[in-house]
Protein backbone atom coordinates (compact mmCIF):
# COMPACT_ATOMS: atom_id res chain seq x y z
CA MET A 1 176.17 111.51 101.56
CA LYS A 2 178.69 114.26 103.11
CA SER A 3 175.48 117.08 102.38
CA ILE A 4 173.07 115.00 104.34
CA ALA A 5 175.57 115.06 106.99
CA THR A 6 175.51 119.08 106.63
CA VAL A 7 172.18 119.67 106.83
CA LEU A 8 171.39 117.74 109.86
CA VAL A 9 173.90 119.33 111.20
CA ALA A 10 172.55 122.54 110.38
CA ALA A 11 169.05 121.53 111.35
CA LEU A 12 170.10 120.13 114.71
CA THR A 13 172.15 123.77 115.36
CA LEU A 14 169.15 126.07 114.76
CA THR A 15 166.86 123.50 117.12
CA LEU A 16 169.17 123.86 119.95
CA GLY A 17 169.48 126.57 119.63
CA ALA A 18 165.85 127.96 118.91
CA ALA A 19 165.56 125.83 122.13
CA GLY A 20 168.19 128.01 123.94
CA ALA A 21 166.31 131.87 122.97
CA LEU A 22 162.80 129.96 124.45
CA ALA A 23 164.66 129.26 127.61
CA ALA A 24 166.42 132.99 128.26
CA GLU A 25 162.97 134.22 127.50
CA GLN A 26 161.04 132.73 129.99
CA ARG A 27 159.61 135.02 132.12
CA ALA A 28 157.47 134.54 136.01
CA ILE A 29 154.03 134.52 135.15
CA LEU A 30 151.47 135.36 138.35
CA THR A 31 149.66 132.39 138.53
CA LEU A 32 145.41 131.76 139.48
CA GLU A 33 146.83 130.43 142.18
CA ALA A 34 148.88 133.43 143.35
CA ALA A 35 145.93 136.03 142.15
CA LYS A 36 143.31 134.13 144.56
CA VAL A 37 145.54 134.17 147.42
CA ILE A 38 145.91 137.94 147.25
CA ALA A 39 142.48 138.50 146.96
CA GLU A 40 141.46 136.15 149.45
CA ALA A 41 144.22 138.14 152.37
CA CYS A 42 143.27 141.80 151.17
CA GLU A 43 139.18 140.65 151.85
CA ALA A 44 140.29 138.72 154.87
CA LYS A 45 142.58 142.44 156.11
CA ALA A 46 139.75 144.42 155.41
CA ALA A 47 137.75 142.66 157.49
CA GLU A 48 140.06 141.80 160.26
CA MET A 49 140.60 145.71 160.75
CA GLY A 50 136.98 146.31 160.29
CA TRP A 51 137.48 149.09 156.72
CA ARG A 52 134.44 149.24 154.71
CA PRO A 53 134.26 146.19 152.43
CA VAL A 54 136.72 146.26 149.57
CA ILE A 55 136.65 145.79 145.93
CA ILE A 56 140.17 143.93 144.35
CA ALA A 57 141.42 143.73 140.97
CA ILE A 58 144.34 142.10 140.42
CA TYR A 59 146.20 141.81 136.69
CA ASP A 60 149.02 140.52 135.11
CA GLN A 61 152.11 141.62 133.22
CA GLY A 62 150.35 142.13 130.38
CA ALA A 63 147.90 144.90 132.28
CA ASP A 64 145.34 141.98 131.36
CA LEU A 65 142.38 141.16 134.37
CA LYS A 66 143.79 138.11 135.93
CA TYR A 67 140.86 138.02 139.08
CA PHE A 68 138.56 139.93 140.11
CA SER A 69 136.87 139.90 143.66
CA ARG A 70 133.98 141.90 144.91
CA THR A 71 133.33 141.83 148.94
CA ASP A 72 129.47 141.87 149.99
CA ASP A 73 127.97 145.55 150.20
CA ALA A 74 131.33 146.99 148.77
CA GLN A 75 130.21 149.86 146.99
CA ARG A 76 129.72 149.88 142.69
CA GLY A 77 132.18 153.15 142.67
CA SER A 78 135.06 151.27 143.95
CA ILE A 79 134.82 149.07 141.34
CA GLN A 80 136.55 151.12 138.21
CA VAL A 81 138.27 152.60 140.50
CA ALA A 82 140.23 149.38 142.25
CA MET A 83 140.92 148.41 138.29
CA LEU A 84 142.51 151.36 136.99
CA LYS A 85 144.80 150.90 140.63
CA GLY A 86 145.47 147.56 139.50
CA GLN A 87 146.18 148.10 135.95
CA THR A 88 148.17 151.31 136.21
CA SER A 89 151.10 149.33 138.59
CA ALA A 90 150.65 146.17 136.00
CA ASN A 91 151.36 149.04 133.47
CA PHE A 92 154.60 150.08 135.28
CA PRO A 93 156.58 148.72 137.98
CA ARG A 94 155.79 151.32 141.17
CA SER A 95 152.55 152.01 143.25
CA THR A 96 149.65 154.36 142.26
CA ARG A 97 150.61 156.03 145.65
CA SER A 98 154.86 156.90 143.93
CA PHE A 99 152.86 158.70 140.82
CA GLY A 100 150.96 161.17 143.36
CA GLU A 101 154.44 161.77 145.07
CA PHE A 102 155.93 162.27 141.74
CA ILE A 103 153.81 164.79 140.38
CA TYR A 104 153.31 166.97 143.26
CA LYS A 105 157.07 167.06 144.38
CA GLY A 106 159.19 170.11 143.16
CA ASP A 107 157.49 172.77 141.39
CA ARG A 108 157.04 171.70 137.58
CA PRO A 109 154.10 169.98 136.33
CA HIS A 110 154.75 166.67 135.17
CA GLY A 111 151.75 165.73 132.85
CA ALA A 112 151.67 162.09 134.62
CA GLN A 113 148.39 163.18 136.21
CA HIS A 114 146.67 163.69 132.70
CA VAL A 115 147.66 160.39 131.38
CA PRO A 116 144.14 158.44 130.96
CA GLY A 117 143.70 155.96 133.32
CA LEU A 118 146.82 156.71 135.17
CA VAL A 119 145.36 156.65 139.40
CA ILE A 120 147.69 158.80 141.59
CA PHE A 121 146.51 157.88 144.69
CA PRO A 122 146.91 154.75 147.12
CA GLY A 123 145.56 151.68 146.68
CA GLY A 124 147.61 149.63 143.48
CA LEU A 125 150.67 148.21 143.89
CA PRO A 126 152.98 145.81 141.70
CA ILE A 127 152.69 142.21 142.34
CA MET A 128 156.77 141.46 141.85
CA THR A 129 158.79 138.22 141.69
CA ALA A 130 161.60 137.63 144.83
CA ASP A 131 163.53 138.38 142.25
CA GLY A 132 162.30 141.48 140.91
CA GLN A 133 160.06 140.62 138.12
CA HIS A 134 156.95 142.75 137.53
CA VAL A 135 154.61 140.44 136.99
CA GLY A 136 151.21 142.36 137.37
CA GLY A 137 149.83 144.91 139.84
CA VAL A 138 147.03 145.13 141.89
CA GLY A 139 144.33 147.23 143.53
CA VAL A 140 141.93 147.84 145.81
CA SER A 141 139.25 150.46 146.67
CA GLY A 142 136.60 150.21 149.26
CA ALA A 143 137.93 151.61 152.43
CA THR A 144 140.09 155.41 152.15
CA SER A 145 143.30 154.76 150.18
CA ASP A 146 145.21 154.00 152.88
CA GLN A 147 143.72 150.96 153.54
CA ASP A 148 142.94 149.80 150.31
CA GLU A 149 147.48 150.06 150.01
CA VAL A 150 147.34 148.18 152.79
CA CYS A 151 145.07 145.77 151.55
CA ALA A 152 147.04 145.06 149.02
CA GLN A 153 150.13 145.04 150.25
CA ALA A 154 148.75 141.64 152.91
CA GLY A 155 148.10 140.35 149.57
CA ILE A 156 151.40 140.15 147.84
CA ASP A 157 152.68 139.61 151.19
CA ALA A 158 150.49 136.29 151.95
CA ALA A 159 151.48 135.41 148.28
CA ALA A 160 154.88 135.54 148.79
CA GLU A 161 155.99 132.31 147.99
CA LEU A 162 154.34 131.89 145.52
CA LEU A 163 156.04 134.62 143.81
CA LYS A 164 159.28 133.08 143.96
């Protein structure tokens, strides 16, 4: 009888320990709802400002495409650019602008500009939760790169309530 009780206690301890480990490993995720809000706000910002049509690529924390939007008449060449901007900011918790500033600052070459797929000009922003968790990235292309970045920020700002 004592050995059955010991086995039950051990099993219960393992089960509770595993449940605790799973709870500790939970991370915030970028929901489809939040991604749609980001894209809609990006599109609205570009239209409101009278900028060229944009393409929006939104990636989750694994740098997997979560949502994609191409406004009417957006230039086809911007598809890949938006996707690369979004992937860069999904892979690294920093803006694509910051990569360019880092690379071209100082006297020595950094080499980051030679990393395949790494974008070093504005238009890609990391998507962060209110408590600082990196949950993805958004890339915008079609307008000027500065305007693309403004659109991306407008999208993230619009989804702030969903990123808590």
